C-alpha atoms as a PDB file:
ATOM      1  CA  MET A   1      31.077 253.166  -7.281  1.00  0.00           C
ATOM      2  CA  LYS A   2      29.351 251.393  -4.407  1.00  0.00           C
ATOM      3  CA  SER A   3      26.003 251.623  -5.780  1.00  0.00           C
ATOM      4  CA  ASN A   4      27.291 250.975  -9.142  1.00  0.00           C
ATOM      5  CA  ASP A   5      28.526 247.588  -8.273  1.00  0.00           C
ATOM      6  CA  ARG A   6      25.513 246.973  -6.324  1.00  0.00           C
ATOM      7  CA  ILE A   7      22.959 247.434  -9.078  1.00  0.00           C
ATOM      8  CA  THR A   8      25.350 245.395 -11.526  1.00  0.00           C
ATOM      9  CA  SER A   9      26.158 242.760  -8.873  1.00  0.00           C
ATOM     10  CA  LEU A  10      22.300 242.302  -8.474  1.00  0.00           C
ATOM     11  CA  LEU A  11      21.704 242.100 -12.349  1.00  0.00           C
ATOM     12  CA  LEU A  12      23.968 239.401 -12.642  1.00  0.00           C
ATOM     13  CA  ALA A  13      22.504 237.441 -10.255  1.00  0.00           C
ATOM     14  CA  LEU A  14      19.595 237.146 -11.777  1.00  0.00           C
ATOM     15  CA  VAL A  15      20.966 236.765 -15.135  1.00  0.00           C
ATOM     16  CA  GLY A  16      22.540 233.501 -13.268  1.00  0.00           C
ATOM     17  CA  SER A  17      19.539 232.503 -11.657  1.00  0.00           C
ATOM     18  CA  TYR A  18      17.985 232.480 -15.186  1.00  0.00           C
ATOM     19  CA  VAL A  19      20.735 231.135 -16.935  1.00  0.00           C
ATOM     20  CA  ALA A  20      20.402 227.966 -14.262  1.00  0.00           C
ATOM     21  CA  PHE A  21      16.843 227.856 -14.188  1.00  0.00           C
ATOM     22  CA  GLU A  22      16.921 227.048 -18.072  1.00  0.00           C
ATOM     23  CA  GLY A  23      20.293 224.752 -17.825  1.00  0.00           C
ATOM     24  CA  TYR A  24      17.728 222.920 -15.078  1.00  0.00           C
ATOM     25  CA  ALA A  25      15.248 222.834 -17.457  1.00  0.00           C
ATOM     26  CA  LEU A  26      16.989 221.176 -20.085  1.00  0.00           C
ATOM     27  CA  LYS A  27      17.911 218.266 -18.183  1.00  0.00           C
ATOM     28  CA  ILE A  28      20.825 217.991 -15.968  1.00  0.00           C
ATOM     29  CA  GLY A  29      21.741 214.156 -16.067  1.00  0.00           C
ATOM     30  CA  SER A  30      24.527 213.204 -13.576  1.00  0.00           C
ATOM     31  CA  LEU A  31      28.025 213.470 -13.254  1.00  0.00           C
ATOM     32  CA  GLN A  32      28.908 210.787 -14.635  1.00  0.00           C
ATOM     33  CA  ASP A  33      26.716 210.935 -17.975  1.00  0.00           C
ATOM     34  CA  PRO A  34      25.911 214.694 -18.005  1.00  0.00           C
ATOM     35  CA  LYS A  35      22.971 215.964 -20.015  1.00  0.00           C
ATOM     36  CA  PRO A  36      23.295 219.803 -22.330  1.00  0.00           C
ATOM     37  CA  GLY A  37      21.702 221.403 -18.998  1.00  0.00           C
ATOM     38  CA  PHE A  38      24.676 220.314 -16.822  1.00  0.00           C
ATOM     39  CA  MET A  39      27.171 223.009 -17.654  1.00  0.00           C
ATOM     40  CA  VAL A  40      24.607 225.859 -18.365  1.00  0.00           C
ATOM     41  CA  LEU A  41      23.074 225.069 -14.613  1.00  0.00           C
ATOM     42  CA  TRP A  42      26.320 225.033 -13.415  1.00  0.00           C
ATOM     43  CA  ALA A  43      28.004 228.095 -14.918  1.00  0.00           C
ATOM     44  CA  GLY A  44      24.623 229.678 -14.038  1.00  0.00           C
ATOM     45  CA  ILE A  45      25.080 228.973 -10.158  1.00  0.00           C
ATOM     46  CA  LEU A  46      28.298 230.480 -10.281  1.00  0.00           C
ATOM     47  CA  LEU A  47      27.816 233.486 -11.773  1.00  0.00           C
ATOM     48  CA  ALA A  48      24.696 234.119  -9.553  1.00  0.00           C
ATOM     49  CA  GLY A  49      27.359 233.042  -6.470  1.00  0.00           C
ATOM     50  CA  LEU A  50      30.182 235.033  -7.533  1.00  0.00           C
ATOM     51  CA  SER A  51      27.792 238.465  -8.223  1.00  0.00           C
ATOM     52  CA  LEU A  52      26.006 237.613  -4.501  1.00  0.00           C
ATOM     53  CA  LEU A  53      29.780 237.873  -3.170  1.00  0.00           C
ATOM     54  CA  LEU A  54      30.329 241.020  -4.876  1.00  0.00           C
ATOM     55  CA  PHE A  55      27.152 242.573  -3.712  1.00  0.00           C
ATOM     56  CA  MET A  56      27.820 241.720   0.360  1.00  0.00           C
ATOM     57  CA  LYS A  57      31.365 243.209  -0.783  1.00  0.00           C
ATOM     58  CA  THR A  58      30.497 246.412  -1.225  1.00  0.00           C
ATOM     59  CA  PHE A  59      28.926 246.589   2.423  1.00  0.00           C
ATOM     60  CA  ARG A  60      32.091 246.039   4.023  1.00  0.00           C
ATOM     61  CA  SER A  61      34.946 248.095   3.034  1.00  0.00           C
ATOM     62  CA  GLN A  62      34.790 251.507   2.970  1.00  0.00           C
ATOM     63  CA  GLU A  63      37.813 253.184   2.004  1.00  0.00           C
ATOM     64  CA  ALA A  64      38.154 250.710  -0.615  1.00  0.00           C
ATOM     65  CA  ALA A  65      35.374 253.514  -2.396  1.00  0.00           C
ATOM     66  CA  ARG A  66      37.549 256.571  -2.198  1.00  0.00           C
ATOM     67  CA  GLU A  67      41.040 254.737  -3.508  1.00  0.00           C
ATOM     68  CA  SER A  68      40.967 255.088  -7.477  1.00  0.00           C
ATOM     69  CA  PRO A  69      40.530 251.648  -9.368  1.00  0.00           C
ATOM     70  CA  TRP A  70      43.499 252.701 -11.869  1.00  0.00           C
ATOM     71  CA  LYS A  71      45.864 253.467  -8.897  1.00  0.00           C
ATOM     72  CA  GLY A  72      48.733 251.283  -9.890  1.00  0.00           C
ATOM     73  CA  VAL A  73      47.869 249.689 -12.723  1.00  0.00           C
ATOM     74  CA  GLN A  74      50.900 248.916 -14.703  1.00  0.00           C
ATOM     75  CA  TRP A  75      49.869 250.125 -18.367  1.00  0.00           C
ATOM     76  CA  GLN A  76      53.403 249.029 -20.084  1.00  0.00           C
ATOM     77  CA  LYS A  77      52.932 245.402 -19.215  1.00  0.00           C
ATOM     78  CA  GLY A  78      49.078 244.718 -20.359  1.00  0.00           C
ATOM     79  CA  LEU A  79      49.874 246.727 -23.730  1.00  0.00           C
ATOM     80  CA  LYS A  80      53.185 244.226 -24.034  1.00  0.00           C
ATOM     81  CA  ILE A  81      50.986 241.221 -23.399  1.00  0.00           C
ATOM     82  CA  VAL A  82      48.598 242.296 -26.281  1.00  0.00           C
ATOM     83  CA  VAL A  83      51.598 243.584 -28.567  1.00  0.00           C
ATOM     84  CA  TYR A  84      53.113 239.639 -27.950  1.00  0.00           C
ATOM     85  CA  LEU A  85      49.685 238.238 -28.481  1.00  0.00           C
ATOM     86  CA  ILE A  86      49.011 239.877 -32.035  1.00  0.00           C
ATOM     87  CA  VAL A  87      52.494 239.128 -32.949  1.00  0.00           C
ATOM     88  CA  TYR A  88      51.832 235.372 -31.845  1.00  0.00           C
ATOM     89  CA  VAL A  89      48.865 234.905 -33.634  1.00  0.00           C
ATOM     90  CA  ALA A  90      50.577 236.270 -36.976  1.00  0.00           C
ATOM     91  CA  VAL A  91      52.977 233.987 -36.837  1.00  0.00           C
ATOM     92  CA  PHE A  92      51.490 231.089 -35.014  1.00  0.00           C
ATOM     93  CA  LYS A  93      50.662 229.143 -38.596  1.00  0.00           C
ATOM     94  CA  TRP A  94      54.070 229.978 -40.460  1.00  0.00           C
ATOM     95  CA  LEU A  95      56.238 229.208 -37.257  1.00  0.00           C
ATOM     96  CA  GLY A  96      53.836 226.422 -35.879  1.00  0.00           C
ATOM     97  CA  PHE A  97      52.755 225.830 -32.644  1.00  0.00           C
ATOM     98  CA  LEU A  98      55.673 224.498 -30.574  1.00  0.00           C
ATOM     99  CA  ILE A  99      58.227 227.109 -32.092  1.00  0.00           C
ATOM    100  CA  SER A 100      55.805 230.267 -31.702  1.00  0.00           C
ATOM    101  CA  THR A 101      54.098 229.228 -28.360  1.00  0.00           C
ATOM    102  CA  PHE A 102      57.732 228.674 -26.966  1.00  0.00           C
ATOM    103  CA  ALA A 103      58.933 232.144 -28.186  1.00  0.00           C
ATOM    104  CA  LEU A 104      55.743 233.690 -26.230  1.00  0.00           C
ATOM    105  CA  LEU A 105      56.324 231.938 -23.448  1.00  0.00           C
ATOM    106  CA  LEU A 106      60.255 232.773 -23.477  1.00  0.00           C
ATOM    107  CA  LEU A 107      58.907 236.548 -24.368  1.00  0.00           C
ATOM    108  CA  LEU A 108      56.303 236.654 -21.152  1.00  0.00           C
ATOM    109  CA  PHE A 109      58.914 234.941 -18.479  1.00  0.00           C
ATOM    110  CA  LYS A 110      61.777 237.545 -19.752  1.00  0.00           C
ATOM    111  CA  SER A 111      60.372 241.177 -20.087  1.00  0.00           C
ATOM    112  CA  LEU A 112      57.243 241.102 -17.883  1.00  0.00           C
ATOM    113  CA  GLU A 113      58.600 239.509 -14.825  1.00  0.00           C
ATOM    114  CA  PRO A 114      62.326 239.092 -15.836  1.00  0.00           C
ATOM    115  CA  GLN A 115      63.551 235.498 -14.822  1.00  0.00           C
ATOM    116  CA  ARG A 116      67.118 233.948 -15.424  1.00  0.00           C
ATOM    117  CA  TRP A 117      67.553 232.331 -18.785  1.00  0.00           C
ATOM    118  CA  SER A 118      68.004 228.846 -17.241  1.00  0.00           C
ATOM    119  CA  VAL A 119      64.284 229.358 -15.695  1.00  0.00           C
ATOM    120  CA  ALA A 120      62.530 230.984 -18.308  1.00  0.00           C
ATOM    121  CA  LEU A 121      63.825 228.794 -20.897  1.00  0.00           C
ATOM    122  CA  LEU A 122      62.925 225.218 -18.655  1.00  0.00           C
ATOM    123  CA  LEU A 123      59.432 226.592 -17.995  1.00  0.00           C
ATOM    124  CA  SER A 124      58.794 227.948 -21.930  1.00  0.00           C
ATOM    125  CA  ALA A 125      59.664 224.627 -22.782  1.00  0.00           C
ATOM    126  CA  VAL A 126      58.051 222.307 -20.087  1.00  0.00           C
ATOM    127  CA  THR A 127      54.882 224.283 -20.813  1.00  0.00           C
ATOM    128  CA  THR A 128      55.329 223.977 -24.405  1.00  0.00           C
ATOM    129  CA  ILE A 129      55.542 220.363 -24.359  1.00  0.00           C
ATOM    130  CA  LEU A 130      52.757 219.970 -21.601  1.00  0.00           C
ATOM    131  CA  CYS A 131      50.178 221.559 -24.455  1.00  0.00           C
ATOM    132  CA  PHE A 132      51.176 219.928 -26.603  1.00  0.00           C
ATOM    133  CA  LEU A 133      50.884 216.661 -25.435  1.00  0.00           C
ATOM    134  CA  ILE A 134      47.199 217.584 -23.383  1.00  0.00           C
ATOM    135  CA  PHE A 135      46.095 218.867 -26.204  1.00  0.00           C
ATOM    136  CA  GLY A 136      47.682 217.549 -29.298  1.00  0.00           C
ATOM    137  CA  TYR A 137      48.439 214.067 -28.453  1.00  0.00           C
ATOM    138  CA  PHE A 138      45.905 212.900 -25.943  1.00  0.00           C
ATOM    139  CA  LEU A 139      42.687 215.016 -27.116  1.00  0.00           C
ATOM    140  CA  GLU A 140      44.377 214.801 -30.406  1.00  0.00           C
ATOM    141  CA  LEU A 141      44.250 218.396 -31.706  1.00  0.00           C
ATOM    142  CA  ARG A 142      46.041 219.575 -34.835  1.00  0.00           C
ATOM    143  CA  PHE A 143      48.408 222.238 -34.712  1.00  0.00           C
ATOM    144  CA  PRO A 144      49.983 224.227 -37.538  1.00  0.00           C
ATOM    145  CA  GLN A 145      53.369 222.665 -38.105  1.00  0.00           C
ATOM    146  CA  GLY A 146      54.783 225.574 -39.252  1.00  0.00           C
ATOM    147  CA  ILE A 147      58.283 225.798 -40.752  1.00  0.00           C
ATOM    148  CA  LEU A 148      59.256 222.261 -38.328  1.00  0.00           C
ATOM    149  CA  LYS A 149      57.552 220.460 -41.077  1.00  0.00           C
ATOM    150  CA  GLU A 150      60.073 221.396 -43.567  1.00  0.00           C
ATOM    151  CA  VAL A 151      63.256 221.582 -41.401  1.00  0.00           C
ATOM    152  CA  LEU A 152      62.601 218.203 -39.822  1.00  0.00           C
ATOM    153  CA  ARG A 153      60.322 216.290 -42.472  1.00  0.00           C
ATOM    154  CA  PHE A 154      58.003 214.683 -39.925  1.00  0.00           C
ATOM    155  CA  SER A 155      54.439 215.406 -39.287  1.00  0.00           C
ATOM    156  CA  MET A 156      52.712 215.711 -35.739  1.00  0.00           C
END
C-alpha cells in the first residue's frame, strides 16, 4: 500500500509540476488582472504540493499500513447519497431548483445524520435560499422554474 502511495504521489507531483510550468508559460497576470495561465499555475502548484505531502506522510505512519482502508466504511450512507442524487437529477427540471434542492437537503439532513425536524427544515430552507441568491440572483444563472411557475405564476 505504501509503495503504491509513494509511486502515485511522485507521479502526481510530476504532473502538477508540468501543469504549473504550462500555466506559467500561458502568462499568469496578476491577482487583479488574471491571465489564462493563472488558475492553471495554481492548480498545478496545489496538486504538486498535496502530492508531496502524501509522499512524506507515507514515511511516518507504520500502523496505518496494516489497517484495512475499508474498515469502518458506511456503504449504506454512500448508496443513499447516490440514489438521492439520481432522483434529484431526474426531477430537477420538473420540480424546479427551489423545490428539488430543498427536498434533497431535507432528505440528507434527516436520513444520513438525523437532525431534529426544526433544524433540518431551517438548514434546508436557508441553504436553498442562499444558493438561489448567490447563483440565481447575483451570478444571474437561470434555474428551472418547475411547477412553481404554474402554481405561483411568477418567473425567477
